Amino acid sequence: MRFSPIIPRASWLTSAALLGLALSLTACTKEPPKPLPAPEPPAPNAAARPFADYTQAVPAFSDEFNGAALDGQKWSYEVRDDWFNNEKQATTNSPNNLYLTPLTGELHIQARREQLRNREFTSARIVTKGKMNYPFGRLDVRAKLPKGKGIWPAIWMLGTNDAEAGWPACGEIDIMELRGSTPNENVATVHYGTSSATRQMKGTTWRLPSGDFSEGFHVFSLIRSQNQLRWFVDGTQIHSVDAGSVTPYPFNNPFYLILNVAVGGDFDGDPALTEPFPKEMLVDYVRFYQYPE
């Protein structure tokens, strides 16, 4: 998701002893941690991978969204109405825009056509900034996406030094971006550079073999290792970037996760007046795995 250089642009269960992780978690739970569910096997047509598949993965953290409300120890809302990219939504912490269904274990992020202050739409955007900063490993997000012209769901990350370094120097990793007008396409991208004036990007657009992302859940994955990034959809590798192909390369630093649904803007244009709302992204889980050194 493209981002302003001025103002930078999700429940985890902690196994604190696991691998001796030095993560910036600020909260703990009174309940003993539950074991992370076994990973889903990759699709039969998954591309061959020389390293870092699930056979090597060690479960570290997850949010299964089984609670009654968003876990504030793990996520924060970003509540604003001055988003960039010519987006049309105000983001809120209202249950009209974000809620959980414990029986199904799903997070709902809804964009709605309604006036709020000077905006035509409302939505929600949540981040793990200051609560969970991701080291190297595999991140999986299982989600079902909305469609419709001007709808812009995203699963993405920013470097935790975004306030100090600015954007794009902190680095941006778009695990999944979707144009609602082409709901069978996943856009996977990195943004980088020393300043907004010299911002560069390297990405790809991957199409589902059949159907579109609104018809069912899919697992969007990022494997981040020293000097390399790899993107997967349902176990199939769709993109890769390494330090030799990107200069500067800020992607060895810790990153935090962002989940949101934007409306309108530069990515897919604005929705028609006749476009039905609300539009909803469903998230089944967020899971993180590490690999032995």
Foldseek 3Di string as FASTA:
>chain_A
DDADLPDGDFQKAAPCVPVVDPWLADDHDPDHGDDDDQDDDFDPPADDDPDADSVQWDFGIKQQQLDFFDDPSTKDWDFAQDGDLPFQETEDPDVVQWGGDNVLSKIKGKKAQPDDPHGRIYTIKMKRQSHTWDAFFKKKWKKFFWAAFFKKWWKKKFANCCVPQTPPQRKIWTLFIDGRPQQQKTKTKIWHDNGPVGIDMDIDIDGDPDDGRNPGIWMWMWGDDQQKIWIDISNHTDDMGGCVVDPPDNRNGIIMIMTIMTGAGDPRHHGDPPIDDITIMMIRMMTTIHGDD
